[in-house]
Amino acid sequence: MWTRKAIVYVGLGVILVLFSPFINNLQLFLLGTTILAFVAVHSLVNTRPIDVKISRNFNDDQVFENSSVSIDLVIQNKGRSVGFLEIYDKLPSEVSVQSGLNHTVIRLRDGETVVNKYLLDCKLRGQFRLGNPRLRIYNPSFLFYYESEIESKSSLVVLPQIEEIEGVDLSTDFPKMYQGAMPIRRIGTSGEFYGIREYFPGDDFKNINWRVFGRTRKLMVNQFEREDISDIMIVLDAREITGTGTVLRNPLNYSCKAAASLVNFFLRTRNRVGLIIYGESVDVISPDTGERHLFKILTALAEVKSRGSLGLHTVLGDLRNFTPRSPVMLISTLESDKTAATALREITARGFKLTVIAPDTLDYDRDSRIISPTVYFTASASLDNKISEVRSLGARAMRWNPDSVLSTSLAEVIR
């Protein structure tokens, strides 16, 4: 391909050749033909493809929102020497170079390996595709070049930011969160005495209350109450409306941050945690424990996008299989969901310990003039009404300003 330098040379040569006869100047004619001949000769200089391999190495397998990651672009020359090689590493628009350069010019000797380092600033969660690096090889006169792409695609997963949560009591029925796993009380065959009931075929004979049998001549069995580790379900609203706002500041991004922080906390305190995401579809990650489970949920939160319009009622079927009396934490603005009121009533009627966290970006949207003052006051009043309706059901609910610390906001509403 031609460089700008070659185009200028050819243009100048053509002008001199065409203009010289009008002024009867042989020297200009010869200069023009010389320039054209120079360009023609150098166009024959081979800028054939080279044998170069390029790979990317990330210095950290776990990249979180609002952090940076170092990239090593390893360039290996497996063929002839290259006098002038320009390399441009293609990056997605969602990340930016914090230090170093993703564009470099190098010389490569036979068999030489060069590493180009740069630092990426990752301000947004998500899964991003890094394209093929582009190479440009120039001939010695820099009049022509050969351009190609080297197959070296890779993905960068940026996990949502995690905020540490400490010292918040989610339910008066459970111990403080910082004391460890949340027990829930279930009727079983061991533990503290709970009561008696009528004997049914298949009951263990050792649980028969013989004293009662002696008095009433009826077979009755003892019931016991035991404590189990609680299953906790996080329900995330990912409908299209949750993407309202800017790329960085919108309800869904803040919801993912809150969900990631809660999941991280509950798993560290030895609870089993699950996740339900509803919007375009209903996606369920069953409750489990451990670090692998944590990153399974964090990856799902990193990849979720605001799509669809499925209401809260679509998650009720999945909650039916969930342990009664366990905590359910709904993270949603509750906006434009006609099914929310009925669904919330059913969730609380089943005995779930419901907490609703409503990310509130209205102040920012008003200050940034994304919405008008009239829309702000209307939306703010509507959100207050929804919060009041949730509280009237016996559940906890809060407007969460994402600029405030999540633990502080939770402590204010959970007393």
Protein backbone atom coordinates (compact mmCIF):
# COMPACT_ATOMS: atom_id res chain seq x y z
CA MET A 1 0.00 0.00 0.00
CA TRP A 2 1.07 3.61 -0.64
CA THR A 3 2.09 5.95 2.14
CA ARG A 4 1.29 9.67 2.11
CA LYS A 5 4.94 10.27 1.29
CA ALA A 6 4.65 8.19 -1.89
CA ILE A 7 1.47 10.00 -2.93
CA VAL A 8 3.17 13.39 -2.48
CA TYR A 9 6.20 12.24 -4.52
CA VAL A 10 4.05 10.97 -7.38
CA GLY A 11 1.91 14.10 -7.35
CA LEU A 12 4.99 16.32 -7.45
CA GLY A 13 6.58 14.29 -10.27
CA VAL A 14 3.41 14.38 -12.38
CA ILE A 15 3.07 18.15 -11.92
CA LEU A 16 6.67 18.75 -12.94
CA VAL A 17 6.41 16.51 -15.99
CA LEU A 18 3.15 18.11 -17.17
CA PHE A 19 4.12 21.70 -16.35
CA SER A 20 7.69 21.75 -17.78
CA PRO A 21 6.69 21.81 -21.52
CA PHE A 22 4.66 24.98 -20.98
CA ILE A 23 7.74 26.87 -19.75
CA ASN A 24 10.11 24.92 -22.00
CA ASN A 25 12.22 23.78 -19.01
CA LEU A 26 14.02 20.51 -19.61
CA GLN A 27 15.49 20.43 -16.10
CA LEU A 28 12.07 20.38 -14.45
CA PHE A 29 10.98 17.62 -16.84
CA LEU A 30 14.02 15.54 -15.95
CA LEU A 31 13.47 16.17 -12.22
CA GLY A 32 9.86 15.05 -12.52
CA THR A 33 10.73 11.86 -14.38
CA THR A 34 13.48 11.13 -11.87
CA ILE A 35 11.05 11.40 -8.98
CA LEU A 36 8.55 9.12 -10.73
CA ALA A 37 11.29 6.64 -11.56
CA PHE A 38 12.45 6.68 -7.91
CA VAL A 39 8.96 5.86 -6.72
CA ALA A 40 8.54 3.15 -9.36
CA VAL A 41 11.82 1.46 -8.44
CA HIS A 42 11.02 1.47 -4.73
CA SER A 43 7.57 0.05 -5.39
CA LEU A 44 9.40 -3.08 -6.50
CA VAL A 45 11.18 -3.39 -3.15
CA ASN A 46 9.48 -6.32 -1.46
CA THR A 47 7.30 -5.60 1.59
CA ARG A 48 6.22 -9.22 1.78
CA PRO A 49 4.51 -10.61 4.90
CA ILE A 50 6.71 -11.59 7.82
CA ASP A 51 6.48 -14.52 10.21
CA VAL A 52 5.52 -12.84 13.47
CA LYS A 53 3.54 -14.30 16.38
CA ILE A 54 1.78 -12.05 18.89
CA SER A 55 0.19 -13.04 22.21
CA ARG A 56 -1.36 -11.12 25.12
CA ASN A 57 -0.72 -11.88 28.77
CA PHE A 58 -2.79 -10.38 31.60
CA ASN A 59 -1.00 -9.91 34.92
CA ASP A 60 -4.17 -10.66 36.90
CA ASP A 61 -6.85 -13.29 36.30
CA GLN A 62 -9.39 -11.33 38.37
CA VAL A 63 -10.02 -7.79 37.20
CA PHE A 64 -12.54 -5.67 39.08
CA GLU A 65 -14.43 -2.56 38.12
CA ASN A 66 -12.54 0.72 38.78
CA SER A 67 -9.20 -1.09 38.80
CA SER A 68 -6.42 -1.52 36.28
CA VAL A 69 -4.79 -4.49 34.60
CA SER A 70 -1.34 -4.75 33.05
CA ILE A 71 -1.04 -6.28 29.59
CA ASP A 72 2.11 -7.75 28.09
CA LEU A 73 1.99 -7.80 24.30
CA VAL A 74 4.60 -10.42 23.37
CA ILE A 75 5.94 -10.09 19.79
CA GLN A 76 8.00 -13.04 18.53
CA ASN A 77 9.84 -12.86 15.22
CA LYS A 78 10.10 -16.33 13.67
CA GLY A 79 11.46 -15.20 10.32
CA ARG A 80 13.66 -12.58 8.67
CA SER A 81 14.76 -9.31 10.25
CA VAL A 82 12.32 -6.42 10.08
CA GLY A 83 13.74 -2.91 9.89
CA PHE A 84 10.59 -0.99 10.77
CA LEU A 85 7.48 -2.61 12.25
CA GLU A 86 4.48 -0.65 13.52
CA ILE A 87 2.07 -2.49 15.86
CA TYR A 88 -1.35 -1.30 17.00
CA ASP A 89 -3.19 -3.37 19.63
CA LYS A 90 -6.94 -3.04 19.09
CA LEU A 91 -8.90 -2.31 22.28
CA PRO A 92 -12.64 -2.06 23.02
CA SER A 93 -14.05 1.42 23.62
CA GLU A 94 -15.07 0.50 27.21
CA VAL A 95 -11.44 0.47 28.41
CA SER A 96 -8.69 3.06 28.12
CA VAL A 97 -4.89 3.09 28.32
CA GLN A 98 -3.79 4.42 31.71
CA SER A 99 -0.04 4.27 31.11
CA GLY A 100 2.24 3.00 28.37
CA LEU A 101 1.09 2.70 24.76
CA ASN A 102 -0.91 0.12 22.84
CA HIS A 103 0.75 1.50 19.69
CA THR A 104 4.47 0.95 19.20
CA VAL A 105 7.19 0.98 16.52
CA ILE A 106 10.03 -1.55 16.80
CA ARG A 107 12.87 -3.22 14.93
CA LEU A 108 13.06 -7.01 15.03
CA ARG A 109 16.12 -9.15 14.40
CA ASP A 110 15.95 -12.81 13.40
CA GLY A 111 14.33 -14.82 16.20
CA GLU A 112 14.03 -11.81 18.51
CA THR A 113 11.20 -11.43 21.06
CA VAL A 114 10.03 -8.01 22.24
CA VAL A 115 7.48 -7.30 25.02
CA ASN A 116 5.38 -4.14 24.93
CA LYS A 117 3.75 -3.34 28.30
CA TYR A 118 0.83 -1.04 28.97
CA LEU A 119 -1.77 -0.54 31.69
CA LEU A 120 -5.53 -0.62 31.05
CA ASP A 121 -8.01 1.36 33.12
CA CYS A 122 -11.21 -0.68 33.61
CA LYS A 123 -14.01 1.60 34.79
CA LEU A 124 -16.92 -0.54 33.61
CA ARG A 125 -17.91 -4.11 34.42
CA GLY A 126 -18.52 -6.46 31.49
CA GLN A 127 -16.97 -8.94 29.13
CA PHE A 128 -14.93 -7.18 26.46
CA ARG A 129 -13.36 -8.51 23.29
CA LEU A 130 -9.81 -7.45 22.45
CA GLY A 131 -9.35 -7.62 18.68
CA ASN A 132 -6.43 -8.75 16.55
CA PRO A 133 -3.26 -6.62 16.70
CA ARG A 134 -2.60 -4.80 13.42
CA LEU A 135 0.88 -4.82 11.86
CA ARG A 136 2.32 -2.42 9.31
CA ILE A 137 5.68 -3.15 7.64
CA TYR A 138 7.41 -0.34 5.69
CA ASN A 139 9.95 -0.64 2.91
CA PRO A 140 13.35 1.12 3.44
CA SER A 141 12.22 4.35 1.70
CA PHE A 142 8.92 4.47 3.70
CA LEU A 143 7.04 4.91 0.43
CA PHE A 144 5.11 1.63 0.63
CA TYR A 145 3.92 -0.68 3.37
CA TYR A 146 2.27 -4.01 3.91
CA GLU A 147 -0.54 -4.25 6.49
CA SER A 148 -2.04 -7.30 8.12
CA GLU A 149 -3.70 -8.56 11.31
CA ILE A 150 -2.26 -11.26 13.54
CA GLU A 151 -4.78 -13.71 15.01
CA SER A 152 -4.61 -13.01 18.73
CA LYS A 153 -8.13 -12.35 20.02
CA SER A 154 -8.77 -12.52 23.74
CA SER A 155 -11.50 -11.65 26.22
CA LEU A 156 -11.28 -9.45 29.28
CA VAL A 157 -13.89 -10.00 32.01
CA VAL A 158 -14.21 -7.06 34.39
CA LEU A 159 -16.04 -8.12 37.55
CA PRO A 160 -18.33 -5.73 39.44
CA GLN A 161 -16.78 -3.76 42.27
CA ILE A 162 -17.12 -5.29 45.75
CA GLU A 163 -17.76 -3.14 48.81
CA GLU A 164 -17.01 -4.65 52.19
CA ILE A 165 -20.13 -4.97 54.38
CA GLU A 166 -19.76 -5.16 58.15
CA GLY A 167 -21.90 -5.03 61.26
CA VAL A 168 -25.39 -4.92 59.74
CA ASP A 169 -28.27 -6.87 61.27
CA LEU A 170 -30.49 -8.07 58.41
CA SER A 171 -33.13 -9.65 60.57
CA THR A 172 -34.08 -9.57 64.23
CA ASP A 173 -34.64 -13.35 63.94
CA PHE A 174 -31.01 -13.91 63.03
CA PRO A 175 -27.75 -12.99 64.77
CA LYS A 176 -25.66 -10.07 63.65
CA MET A 177 -24.18 -10.54 60.22
CA TYR A 178 -20.65 -10.29 61.52
CA GLN A 179 -21.24 -13.25 63.85
CA GLY A 180 -21.20 -15.71 60.98
CA ALA A 181 -23.69 -18.01 59.33
CA MET A 182 -27.40 -17.27 59.66
CA PRO A 183 -29.28 -20.15 61.25
CA ILE A 184 -32.91 -20.86 60.40
CA ARG A 185 -35.09 -23.08 62.55
CA ARG A 186 -36.57 -26.21 60.97
CA ILE A 187 -38.69 -29.04 62.38
CA GLY A 188 -36.70 -32.27 62.39
CA THR A 189 -35.82 -35.37 64.39
CA SER A 190 -33.00 -33.86 66.43
CA GLY A 191 -32.24 -30.66 68.30
CA GLU A 192 -34.34 -28.83 70.89
CA PHE A 193 -37.78 -30.20 71.81
CA TYR A 194 -40.52 -28.48 69.80
CA GLY A 195 -43.76 -30.41 70.45
CA ILE A 196 -45.65 -33.61 69.65
CA ARG A 197 -47.82 -34.74 66.77
CA GLU A 198 -49.75 -37.84 65.75
CA TYR A 199 -47.75 -40.87 64.67
CA PHE A 200 -47.64 -41.69 60.96
CA PRO A 201 -46.43 -44.97 59.43
CA GLY A 202 -42.72 -44.65 58.71
CA ASP A 203 -41.92 -42.46 61.75
CA ASP A 204 -38.92 -43.53 63.79
CA PHE A 205 -40.04 -45.61 66.82
CA LYS A 206 -37.39 -43.99 69.00
CA ASN A 207 -39.26 -40.68 68.72
CA ILE A 208 -42.55 -42.11 70.08
CA ASN A 209 -43.62 -40.37 73.28
CA TRP A 210 -44.48 -43.36 75.47
CA ARG A 211 -45.66 -41.24 78.39
CA VAL A 212 -48.39 -39.71 76.24
CA PHE A 213 -49.24 -43.17 74.91
CA GLY A 214 -49.60 -44.42 78.47
CA ARG A 215 -52.12 -41.69 79.27
CA THR A 216 -54.09 -41.51 76.03
CA ARG A 217 -53.40 -44.87 74.35
CA LYS A 218 -52.55 -42.87 71.18
CA LEU A 219 -49.23 -43.07 69.39
CA MET A 220 -47.63 -39.63 69.34
CA VAL A 221 -44.10 -38.70 68.27
CA ASN A 222 -41.81 -35.99 69.58
CA GLN A 223 -40.80 -33.13 67.25
CA PHE A 224 -37.52 -31.30 67.54
CA GLU A 225 -36.35 -27.96 66.22
CA ARG A 226 -32.89 -27.75 64.67
CA GLU A 227 -30.81 -24.92 63.28
CA ASP A 228 -29.57 -25.15 59.71
CA ILE A 229 -27.32 -22.81 57.76
CA SER A 230 -29.50 -20.42 55.82
CA ASP A 231 -29.84 -20.28 52.05
CA ILE A 232 -29.92 -16.68 50.87
CA MET A 233 -31.30 -15.66 47.49
CA ILE A 234 -30.34 -12.43 45.76
CA VAL A 235 -32.89 -11.33 43.14
CA LEU A 236 -31.60 -8.82 40.57
CA ASP A 237 -33.75 -6.65 38.31
CA ALA A 238 -32.06 -6.42 34.88
CA ARG A 239 -34.94 -5.12 32.79
CA GLU A 240 -34.23 -2.67 29.98
CA ILE A 241 -35.39 0.26 32.12
CA THR A 242 -32.54 -0.37 34.60
CA GLY A 243 -30.07 0.83 31.96
CA THR A 244 -31.48 4.37 32.07
CA GLY A 245 -28.73 6.92 32.65
CA THR A 246 -25.11 7.10 31.54
CA VAL A 247 -22.87 4.17 30.68
CA LEU A 248 -21.22 4.29 34.10
CA ARG A 249 -24.06 5.60 36.25
CA ASN A 250 -27.29 3.65 35.87
CA PRO A 251 -29.40 1.49 38.21
CA LEU A 252 -28.19 -1.82 36.76
CA ASN A 253 -24.50 -1.10 37.30
CA TYR A 254 -25.14 -0.08 40.90
CA SER A 255 -27.43 -3.09 41.41
CA CYS A 256 -24.63 -5.39 40.27
CA LYS A 257 -22.24 -3.72 42.72
CA ALA A 258 -24.72 -4.20 45.58
CA ALA A 259 -25.37 -7.83 44.59
CA ALA A 260 -21.64 -8.59 44.35
CA SER A 261 -21.01 -7.03 47.77
CA LEU A 262 -23.83 -8.97 49.44
CA VAL A 263 -22.87 -12.28 47.81
CA ASN A 264 -19.25 -11.80 48.85
CA PHE A 265 -20.27 -11.07 52.44
CA PHE A 266 -22.71 -13.96 52.84
CA LEU A 267 -20.30 -16.49 51.34
CA ARG A 268 -17.50 -15.30 53.64
CA THR A 269 -19.83 -15.86 56.60
CA ARG A 270 -20.44 -19.50 55.53
CA ASN A 271 -23.93 -19.09 54.08
CA ARG A 272 -25.20 -20.64 50.87
CA VAL A 273 -26.09 -17.95 48.35
CA GLY A 274 -28.00 -18.08 45.07
CA LEU A 275 -28.81 -15.53 42.38
CA ILE A 276 -31.87 -14.91 40.22
CA ILE A 277 -31.64 -12.39 37.36
CA TYR A 278 -34.80 -11.36 35.53
CA GLY A 279 -35.29 -9.09 32.54
CA GLU A 280 -35.08 -10.64 29.10
CA SER A 281 -35.26 -14.08 30.70
CA VAL A 282 -35.04 -15.60 34.17
CA ASP A 283 -31.57 -16.96 34.94
CA VAL A 284 -30.96 -18.87 38.15
CA ILE A 285 -27.75 -19.82 39.93
CA SER A 286 -28.66 -22.26 42.70
CA PRO A 287 -27.41 -21.63 46.25
CA ASP A 288 -23.94 -22.94 46.98
CA THR A 289 -20.78 -22.03 48.87
CA GLY A 290 -17.10 -21.50 48.21
CA GLU A 291 -14.81 -19.23 46.23
CA ARG A 292 -15.55 -20.96 42.93
CA HIS A 293 -19.25 -20.25 43.46
CA LEU A 294 -18.44 -16.60 44.28
CA PHE A 295 -16.68 -16.08 40.95
CA LYS A 296 -19.43 -17.93 39.11
CA ILE A 297 -21.90 -15.35 40.41
CA LEU A 298 -19.50 -12.42 39.87
CA THR A 299 -18.99 -13.49 36.26
CA ALA A 300 -22.76 -13.64 35.72
CA LEU A 301 -23.07 -10.14 37.20
CA ALA A 302 -20.25 -8.89 34.97
CA GLU A 303 -21.99 -10.11 31.83
CA VAL A 304 -25.59 -9.10 32.61
CA LYS A 305 -27.11 -6.38 30.41
CA SER A 306 -30.31 -4.36 30.71
CA ARG A 307 -32.74 -6.13 28.39
CA GLY A 308 -36.35 -7.23 28.27
CA SER A 309 -39.35 -6.34 30.39
CA LEU A 310 -40.23 -9.47 32.38
CA GLY A 311 -41.78 -8.54 35.72
CA LEU A 312 -40.98 -9.67 39.25
CA HIS A 313 -43.76 -12.27 39.11
CA THR A 314 -41.61 -14.38 36.75
CA VAL A 315 -39.27 -15.34 39.60
CA LEU A 316 -42.01 -16.72 41.87
CA GLY A 317 -41.80 -20.20 40.35
CA ASP A 318 -38.10 -20.45 41.20
CA LEU A 319 -38.67 -19.17 44.73
CA ARG A 320 -41.22 -21.96 45.37
CA ASN A 321 -38.32 -24.42 45.62
CA PHE A 322 -36.43 -22.14 47.98
CA THR A 323 -36.33 -22.73 51.75
CA PRO A 324 -39.20 -20.91 53.53
CA ARG A 325 -38.25 -18.25 56.11
CA SER A 326 -34.91 -17.70 54.39
CA PRO A 327 -33.72 -14.21 53.46
CA VAL A 328 -34.60 -12.95 49.98
CA MET A 329 -32.90 -9.72 48.93
CA LEU A 330 -34.47 -7.95 45.95
CA ILE A 331 -32.38 -5.29 44.22
CA SER A 332 -34.72 -3.30 41.99
CA THR A 333 -36.04 0.20 41.35
CA LEU A 334 -39.54 -1.38 41.10
CA GLU A 335 -40.15 1.06 38.25
CA SER A 336 -42.65 0.26 35.47
CA ASP A 337 -43.45 -3.19 36.86
CA LYS A 338 -47.20 -3.73 37.21
CA THR A 339 -46.64 -7.19 38.70
CA ALA A 340 -44.36 -6.02 41.51
CA ALA A 341 -47.03 -5.32 44.17
CA THR A 342 -48.70 -8.73 43.77
CA ALA A 343 -45.36 -10.54 43.61
CA LEU A 344 -44.06 -8.83 46.75
CA ARG A 345 -47.21 -9.77 48.65
CA GLU A 346 -46.79 -13.40 47.62
CA ILE A 347 -43.11 -13.45 48.61
CA THR A 348 -43.83 -12.10 52.09
CA ALA A 349 -46.93 -14.34 52.46
CA ARG A 350 -44.69 -17.38 51.98
CA GLY A 351 -42.68 -16.29 55.01
CA PHE A 352 -39.51 -15.16 53.26
CA LYS A 353 -37.48 -12.51 55.08
CA LEU A 354 -37.64 -9.89 52.34
CA THR A 355 -35.31 -6.91 52.02
CA VAL A 356 -35.67 -4.55 49.04
CA ILE A 357 -32.78 -2.34 47.94
CA ALA A 358 -33.79 0.30 45.38
CA PRO A 359 -30.78 1.99 43.70
CA ASP A 360 -31.63 5.69 43.48
CA THR A 361 -29.83 7.63 40.73
CA LEU A 362 -32.46 10.36 40.49
CA ASP A 363 -30.33 13.06 42.15
CA TYR A 364 -27.49 12.47 39.70
CA ASP A 365 -29.87 12.31 36.73
CA ARG A 366 -31.39 15.66 37.76
CA ASP A 367 -28.04 17.36 38.43
CA SER A 368 -26.68 16.08 35.10
CA ARG A 369 -29.86 17.25 33.35
CA ILE A 370 -30.66 13.77 32.15
CA ILE A 371 -34.16 14.34 33.53
CA SER A 372 -36.08 17.56 34.16
CA PRO A 373 -36.95 18.79 37.69
CA THR A 374 -40.60 17.90 37.06
CA VAL A 375 -39.73 14.33 36.12
CA TYR A 376 -37.41 14.14 39.13
CA PHE A 377 -40.09 15.09 41.67
CA THR A 378 -42.64 12.76 40.07
CA ALA A 379 -40.23 9.81 39.98
CA SER A 380 -38.98 10.50 43.52
CA ALA A 381 -42.51 10.57 44.93
CA SER A 382 -43.37 7.37 43.06
CA LEU A 383 -40.32 5.60 44.50
CA ASP A 384 -41.19 6.75 48.03
CA ASN A 385 -44.69 5.33 47.60
CA LYS A 386 -43.31 1.98 46.44
CA ILE A 387 -40.94 1.82 49.40
CA SER A 388 -43.83 2.53 51.77
CA GLU A 389 -45.93 -0.21 50.16
CA VAL A 390 -43.11 -2.73 50.63
CA ARG A 391 -42.71 -1.77 54.29
CA SER A 392 -46.45 -2.15 54.84
CA LEU A 393 -46.02 -5.83 53.96
CA GLY A 394 -43.62 -6.27 56.87
CA ALA A 395 -40.53 -6.25 54.66
CA ARG A 396 -37.53 -3.97 54.86
CA ALA A 397 -37.00 -1.50 52.04
CA MET A 398 -34.58 1.32 51.33
CA ARG A 399 -33.70 3.93 48.75
CA TRP A 400 -29.99 3.51 48.23
CA ASN A 401 -27.97 6.44 46.97
CA PRO A 402 -25.04 4.68 45.25
CA ASP A 403 -22.71 7.54 46.26
CA SER A 404 -23.17 6.47 49.89
CA VAL A 405 -21.62 3.44 51.59
CA LEU A 406 -23.90 0.41 51.27
CA SER A 407 -23.27 -0.75 54.85
CA THR A 408 -24.25 2.68 56.19
CA SER A 409 -27.44 2.75 54.14
CA LEU A 410 -28.40 -0.75 55.27
CA ALA A 411 -27.75 0.13 58.92
CA GLU A 412 -30.06 3.14 58.69
CA VAL A 413 -33.04 1.08 57.54
CA ILE A 414 -32.29 -2.14 59.46
CA ARG A 415 -32.48 -1.33 63.16
